[in-house]
Amino acid sequence: MIRISRKALLIASLMLVVLLIGVFLGGFVAYLLYPASSLQRVPRPFEAPRVTALEGAKAPVPPPLTGYEAGGKSGGQTGETGSWMATPGRMVIVEGRVKIRVERGQVESAAEKIASIAVNLGGYVAQMNLYEDRAYIVIKVPVEKFEDAIKMVREVGEVVEVSTSASDVTEEYVDLNARLNALRRVEERLLSLLDKAQTVEEILKVEDYLRNIRVEIERIEAQLKYLERRVEYSTIRVEIESPPKQVKPMVVFPSFNPLPAVAAGLAAMYSVIYLLITVIIAILPLIAIGIPIYILYKKRSSKKEEE
């Protein structure tokens, strides 16, 4: 049986007590120098980063689906049997948007079909952009043919989305007409004044006013014609898409970076040190009580041996 001398045991106990006192004093000094609010949380080894939301931030809310989604389910402003023909006496601008999907290599043929739809219905193609795997077309069709155009475009490919809208511009149209009539009455009065002008100065002043009035009249007439064209011909924007070509993946050689391994090793070492300090501080009361008891026990044992 291995016997440990009393002197060696006392020396080891004193060294342990001194070590614990030093650790305690070091932690107390660190707490005084660096308050707890300024200390950052030390991540444990192999711990995944924690993602927290910013204070006051709100998660983005996705917009509601309109039109036909995922295969053309109805959900737009009109149903399958709704009518987009303008109400008598109202000026309504009707617009639509259709997104379809076709097979690879059929984008151009689908665009040609949509263009022919517009021409056959008495309309025309306002814009066409063709790419390898997608296309964008804007067609104009008479408003009474709007529903027919939407149905025919949907049959060209697989429907992804359909949305429709109508804007009532009756008040704007009436207001422009009222302003136009007022300017024309002013023009008539200026023409009558021009006939009565006697001096060159009077003629020049009247002609100057008359020129400004005519410029404003032409501007309002252009706005009225623009509204009339938009009401007469509805706009349909068509997006065509197809699966893109498969690109062969590039060979990527693995990269060697020892820094994450070093950081993980250091983190593990720090965790072990923290664990040892925690255990030592936890058993410090037991050591403080156990050493005097052990010393008393050894003294009594030595006295019994002497007797």
Protein backbone atom coordinates (compact mmCIF):
# COMPACT_ATOMS: atom_id res chain seq x y z
CA MET A 1 0.00 0.00 0.00
CA ILE A 2 1.30 3.43 -1.03
CA ARG A 3 1.66 5.76 1.94
CA ILE A 4 1.65 9.54 1.46
CA SER A 5 3.51 11.57 4.02
CA ARG A 6 1.65 14.19 5.99
CA LYS A 7 4.04 16.88 4.81
CA ALA A 8 3.42 16.17 1.13
CA LEU A 9 -0.32 16.14 1.67
CA LEU A 10 -0.25 19.48 3.47
CA ILE A 11 1.91 21.04 0.75
CA ALA A 12 -0.47 19.83 -1.97
CA SER A 13 -3.49 21.12 -0.05
CA LEU A 14 -1.89 24.53 0.45
CA MET A 15 -1.01 24.77 -3.25
CA LEU A 16 -4.60 23.94 -4.19
CA VAL A 17 -5.96 26.54 -1.79
CA VAL A 18 -3.55 29.18 -3.13
CA LEU A 19 -4.59 28.32 -6.70
CA LEU A 20 -8.27 28.65 -5.88
CA ILE A 21 -7.71 31.93 -4.08
CA GLY A 22 -5.77 33.25 -7.09
CA VAL A 23 -8.53 32.24 -9.50
CA PHE A 24 -11.14 33.87 -7.29
CA LEU A 25 -9.15 37.09 -6.94
CA GLY A 26 -8.48 37.18 -10.70
CA GLY A 27 -12.16 36.81 -11.48
CA PHE A 28 -13.09 39.49 -8.97
CA VAL A 29 -10.54 41.93 -10.45
CA ALA A 30 -11.80 41.21 -13.96
CA TYR A 31 -15.37 41.90 -12.83
CA LEU A 32 -14.32 45.25 -11.37
CA LEU A 33 -12.36 46.27 -14.47
CA TYR A 34 -14.88 45.00 -17.05
CA PRO A 35 -18.55 45.23 -16.05
CA ALA A 36 -20.82 42.38 -17.00
CA SER A 37 -22.78 44.55 -19.47
CA SER A 38 -19.67 45.05 -21.61
CA LEU A 39 -18.71 41.37 -21.74
CA GLN A 40 -19.74 39.52 -24.86
CA ARG A 41 -21.08 36.02 -24.84
CA VAL A 42 -18.32 33.52 -25.66
CA PRO A 43 -19.62 30.88 -28.07
CA ARG A 44 -19.23 27.28 -27.09
CA PRO A 45 -17.27 25.00 -29.41
CA PHE A 46 -19.14 23.70 -32.44
CA GLU A 47 -22.15 25.89 -31.57
CA ALA A 48 -24.25 27.10 -34.47
CA PRO A 49 -24.69 30.89 -34.71
CA ARG A 50 -27.94 32.22 -33.34
CA VAL A 51 -29.97 34.51 -35.58
CA THR A 52 -32.19 37.03 -33.81
CA ALA A 53 -34.58 39.57 -35.30
CA LEU A 54 -33.72 43.25 -35.03
CA GLU A 55 -35.76 45.17 -32.51
CA GLY A 56 -38.69 46.83 -34.20
CA ALA A 57 -38.19 44.97 -37.46
CA LYS A 58 -41.12 43.24 -39.06
CA ALA A 59 -41.05 40.22 -41.31
CA PRO A 60 -41.95 41.00 -44.89
CA VAL A 61 -45.45 40.00 -45.80
CA PRO A 62 -45.77 38.39 -49.24
CA PRO A 63 -48.21 40.17 -51.59
CA PRO A 64 -51.56 38.49 -52.18
CA LEU A 65 -51.88 36.40 -55.33
CA THR A 66 -53.97 37.91 -58.09
CA GLY A 67 -55.33 36.47 -61.25
CA TYR A 68 -54.63 32.82 -61.98
CA GLU A 69 -51.93 31.09 -59.96
CA ALA A 70 -50.42 27.60 -60.33
CA GLY A 71 -52.29 26.27 -63.29
CA GLY A 72 -54.79 29.05 -63.90
CA LYS A 73 -57.16 28.95 -60.95
CA SER A 74 -59.59 31.83 -61.02
CA GLY A 75 -58.94 34.64 -58.59
CA GLY A 76 -58.87 37.83 -60.60
CA GLN A 77 -61.22 40.74 -60.74
CA THR A 78 -63.46 38.98 -63.26
CA GLY A 79 -64.64 35.43 -63.49
CA GLU A 80 -64.71 33.14 -66.47
CA THR A 81 -68.04 34.60 -67.60
CA GLY A 82 -67.44 38.27 -66.68
CA SER A 83 -67.74 40.99 -69.30
CA TRP A 84 -65.15 43.69 -69.82
CA MET A 85 -67.19 45.68 -72.34
CA ALA A 86 -67.42 49.32 -71.31
CA THR A 87 -70.66 50.47 -69.76
CA PRO A 88 -72.53 52.89 -72.05
CA GLY A 89 -71.58 56.45 -71.18
CA ARG A 90 -68.42 55.42 -69.29
CA MET A 91 -64.78 55.57 -70.38
CA VAL A 92 -63.02 52.44 -69.07
CA ILE A 93 -59.43 51.40 -69.80
CA VAL A 94 -59.08 47.61 -69.70
CA GLU A 95 -55.70 45.92 -69.27
CA GLY A 96 -54.55 42.36 -68.69
CA ARG A 97 -51.40 40.40 -67.94
CA VAL A 98 -50.83 36.75 -68.83
CA LYS A 99 -47.83 34.60 -67.96
CA ILE A 100 -47.50 31.22 -69.67
CA ARG A 101 -44.92 28.44 -69.77
CA VAL A 102 -44.00 26.49 -72.93
CA GLU A 103 -41.60 23.67 -73.76
CA ARG A 104 -37.96 24.33 -74.42
CA GLY A 105 -37.36 25.70 -77.92
CA GLN A 106 -40.98 26.81 -78.47
CA VAL A 107 -40.73 30.40 -77.24
CA GLU A 108 -40.53 31.94 -80.70
CA SER A 109 -43.42 29.90 -82.11
CA ALA A 110 -45.57 30.80 -79.08
CA ALA A 111 -44.78 34.50 -79.60
CA GLU A 112 -45.81 34.24 -83.25
CA LYS A 113 -49.12 32.61 -82.25
CA ILE A 114 -49.87 35.44 -79.81
CA ALA A 115 -49.04 38.04 -82.48
CA SER A 116 -51.41 36.32 -84.93
CA ILE A 117 -54.13 36.30 -82.25
CA ALA A 118 -53.89 40.08 -81.95
CA VAL A 119 -54.03 40.58 -85.74
CA ASN A 120 -56.94 38.15 -86.24
CA LEU A 121 -58.97 39.95 -83.59
CA GLY A 122 -58.48 43.32 -85.27
CA GLY A 123 -55.60 44.49 -83.09
CA TYR A 124 -51.84 44.79 -83.44
CA VAL A 125 -48.54 44.07 -81.69
CA ALA A 126 -47.25 47.09 -79.74
CA GLN A 127 -44.02 45.51 -78.47
CA MET A 128 -42.16 42.21 -78.77
CA ASN A 129 -38.92 41.15 -77.07
CA LEU A 130 -37.59 37.66 -77.86
CA TYR A 131 -34.85 35.86 -75.93
CA GLU A 132 -33.53 32.33 -75.91
CA ASP A 133 -35.73 31.01 -73.12
CA ARG A 134 -38.30 33.79 -72.62
CA ALA A 135 -40.28 36.48 -74.45
CA TYR A 136 -42.29 39.60 -73.63
CA ILE A 137 -45.13 40.75 -75.92
CA VAL A 138 -47.58 43.63 -75.65
CA ILE A 139 -50.66 43.36 -77.85
CA LYS A 140 -53.57 45.73 -78.40
CA VAL A 141 -57.04 44.35 -79.18
CA PRO A 142 -60.49 45.98 -79.39
CA VAL A 143 -62.07 46.15 -75.97
CA GLU A 144 -65.01 43.97 -77.05
CA LYS A 145 -62.49 41.25 -78.01
CA PHE A 146 -60.62 41.39 -74.71
CA GLU A 147 -62.08 38.22 -73.19
CA ASP A 148 -61.58 36.28 -76.42
CA ALA A 149 -57.95 37.39 -76.56
CA ILE A 150 -57.31 36.34 -72.96
CA LYS A 151 -58.80 32.89 -73.57
CA MET A 152 -56.83 32.35 -76.78
CA VAL A 153 -53.54 33.46 -75.21
CA ARG A 154 -54.10 31.05 -72.32
CA GLU A 155 -54.39 28.17 -74.77
CA VAL A 156 -50.92 28.81 -76.21
CA GLY A 157 -49.11 27.27 -73.22
CA GLU A 158 -49.40 26.32 -69.57
CA VAL A 159 -50.94 29.18 -67.61
CA VAL A 160 -48.84 30.47 -64.72
CA GLU A 161 -50.63 33.71 -63.89
CA VAL A 162 -53.44 35.88 -65.26
CA SER A 163 -54.46 39.26 -63.90
CA THR A 164 -56.87 41.89 -65.22
CA SER A 165 -57.71 45.46 -64.30
CA ALA A 166 -60.08 48.25 -65.36
CA SER A 167 -59.62 51.98 -64.82
CA ASP A 168 -62.54 54.40 -65.14
CA VAL A 169 -61.32 57.64 -66.76
CA THR A 170 -64.74 59.14 -67.38
CA GLU A 171 -64.22 62.08 -65.02
CA GLU A 172 -60.84 62.90 -66.56
CA TYR A 173 -62.31 62.70 -70.06
CA VAL A 174 -65.26 64.95 -69.17
CA ASP A 175 -62.97 67.47 -67.49
CA LEU A 176 -60.68 67.63 -70.53
CA ASN A 177 -63.70 68.12 -72.81
CA ALA A 178 -64.99 70.96 -70.63
CA ARG A 179 -61.61 72.69 -70.70
CA LEU A 180 -61.41 72.20 -74.47
CA ASN A 181 -64.82 73.79 -75.02
CA ALA A 182 -63.90 76.73 -72.81
CA LEU A 183 -60.66 77.29 -74.74
CA ARG A 184 -62.49 77.14 -78.04
CA ARG A 185 -64.90 79.84 -76.87
CA VAL A 186 -61.93 81.99 -75.87
CA GLU A 187 -60.44 81.34 -79.31
CA GLU A 188 -63.63 82.55 -80.98
CA ARG A 189 -63.64 85.77 -78.94
CA LEU A 190 -59.97 86.39 -79.77
CA LEU A 191 -60.70 85.90 -83.47
CA SER A 192 -63.49 88.45 -83.24
CA LEU A 193 -61.16 90.86 -81.47
CA LEU A 194 -58.54 90.27 -84.14
CA ASP A 195 -61.00 91.37 -86.82
CA LYS A 196 -61.71 94.55 -84.87
CA ALA A 197 -58.04 95.40 -84.17
CA GLN A 198 -56.89 98.61 -85.86
CA THR A 199 -53.26 99.09 -84.87
CA VAL A 200 -50.30 96.77 -85.34
CA GLU A 201 -49.72 96.61 -81.58
CA GLU A 202 -53.28 95.42 -80.95
CA ILE A 203 -52.97 92.80 -83.71
CA LEU A 204 -49.71 91.44 -82.26
CA LYS A 205 -51.13 91.18 -78.74
CA VAL A 206 -54.25 89.35 -79.90
CA GLU A 207 -52.20 86.97 -82.07
CA ASP A 208 -49.90 86.23 -79.13
CA TYR A 209 -52.87 85.31 -76.90
CA LEU A 210 -54.40 83.35 -79.75
CA ARG A 211 -51.22 81.34 -80.28
CA ASN A 212 -51.05 80.32 -76.60
CA ILE A 213 -54.71 79.28 -76.65
CA ARG A 214 -54.21 77.15 -79.74
CA VAL A 215 -51.19 75.39 -78.19
CA GLU A 216 -53.28 74.50 -75.15
CA ILE A 217 -56.13 73.32 -77.35
CA GLU A 218 -53.82 71.00 -79.32
CA ARG A 219 -52.39 69.59 -76.09
CA ILE A 220 -55.83 68.78 -74.67
CA GLU A 221 -56.96 67.29 -77.99
CA ALA A 222 -53.93 64.99 -77.93
CA GLN A 223 -54.78 63.86 -74.39
CA LEU A 224 -58.37 63.14 -75.41
CA LYS A 225 -57.25 61.10 -78.41
CA TYR A 226 -54.82 59.17 -76.21
CA LEU A 227 -57.58 58.30 -73.73
CA GLU A 228 -59.93 57.34 -76.55
CA ARG A 229 -57.33 54.98 -78.04
CA ARG A 230 -56.68 53.35 -74.69
CA VAL A 231 -60.39 52.87 -74.11
CA GLU A 232 -61.02 51.56 -77.61
CA TYR A 233 -58.07 49.13 -77.57
CA SER A 234 -57.31 47.14 -74.44
CA THR A 235 -53.72 46.22 -73.58
CA ILE A 236 -52.57 42.66 -72.85
CA ARG A 237 -49.01 42.03 -71.66
CA VAL A 238 -47.86 38.46 -72.22
CA GLU A 239 -44.80 36.86 -70.65
CA ILE A 240 -43.55 33.57 -72.09
CA GLU A 241 -41.02 31.42 -70.27
CA SER A 242 -39.44 28.02 -70.85
CA PRO A 243 -37.01 25.85 -68.87
CA PRO A 244 -33.45 27.18 -69.33
CA LYS A 245 -30.73 25.05 -70.82
CA GLN A 246 -28.91 22.80 -68.39
CA VAL A 247 -25.39 24.04 -67.84
CA LYS A 248 -22.72 21.48 -67.08
CA PRO A 249 -21.37 22.04 -63.58
CA MET A 250 -17.82 23.27 -63.38
CA VAL A 251 -15.25 21.21 -61.48
CA VAL A 252 -14.52 23.00 -58.23
CA PHE A 253 -11.43 21.89 -56.37
CA PRO A 254 -11.70 21.90 -52.58
CA SER A 255 -9.87 24.66 -50.79
CA PHE A 256 -7.79 24.14 -47.65
CA ASN A 257 -8.22 26.64 -44.85
CA PRO A 258 -6.82 25.61 -41.44
CA LEU A 259 -8.15 28.68 -39.64
CA PRO A 260 -11.59 27.22 -38.84
CA ALA A 261 -9.93 24.11 -37.39
CA VAL A 262 -7.59 26.23 -35.26
CA ALA A 263 -10.51 28.36 -34.07
CA ALA A 264 -12.53 25.26 -33.20
CA GLY A 265 -9.56 23.79 -31.29
CA LEU A 266 -9.04 26.99 -29.31
CA ALA A 267 -12.73 27.17 -28.52
CA ALA A 268 -12.65 23.58 -27.25
CA MET A 269 -9.57 24.33 -25.13
CA TYR A 270 -11.25 27.41 -23.62
CA SER A 271 -14.33 25.33 -22.85
CA VAL A 272 -12.22 22.78 -21.00
CA ILE A 273 -10.53 25.54 -18.99
CA TYR A 274 -13.93 27.08 -18.12
CA LEU A 275 -15.17 23.66 -17.04
CA LEU A 276 -12.16 23.05 -14.78
CA ILE A 277 -12.53 26.47 -13.17
CA THR A 278 -16.24 25.85 -12.60
CA VAL A 279 -15.60 22.46 -11.02
CA ILE A 280 -12.83 23.82 -8.80
CA ILE A 281 -14.97 26.72 -7.57
CA ALA A 282 -17.87 24.34 -6.98
CA ILE A 283 -15.84 21.97 -4.78
CA LEU A 284 -13.97 24.76 -2.99
CA PRO A 285 -16.32 24.68 0.06
CA LEU A 286 -15.89 20.92 0.33
CA ILE A 287 -12.10 21.27 0.24
CA ALA A 288 -12.20 24.04 2.83
CA ILE A 289 -14.21 21.76 5.15
CA GLY A 290 -12.43 18.51 4.29
CA ILE A 291 -8.82 19.65 4.90
CA PRO A 292 -9.31 20.60 8.60
CA ILE A 293 -11.26 17.39 9.18
CA TYR A 294 -8.50 15.37 7.54
CA ILE A 295 -5.82 17.12 9.61
CA LEU A 296 -7.71 16.43 12.85
CA TYR A 297 -8.20 12.83 11.83
CA LYS A 298 -4.46 12.39 11.20
CA LYS A 299 -3.59 13.99 14.54
CA ARG A 300 -5.88 11.64 16.43
CA SER A 301 -4.54 8.67 14.55
CA SER A 302 -0.96 9.62 15.40
CA LYS A 303 -1.84 10.03 19.10
CA LYS A 304 -3.43 6.60 19.19
CA GLU A 305 -0.34 5.08 17.62
CA GLU A 306 1.89 6.78 20.22
CA GLU A 307 -0.23 5.40 23.05
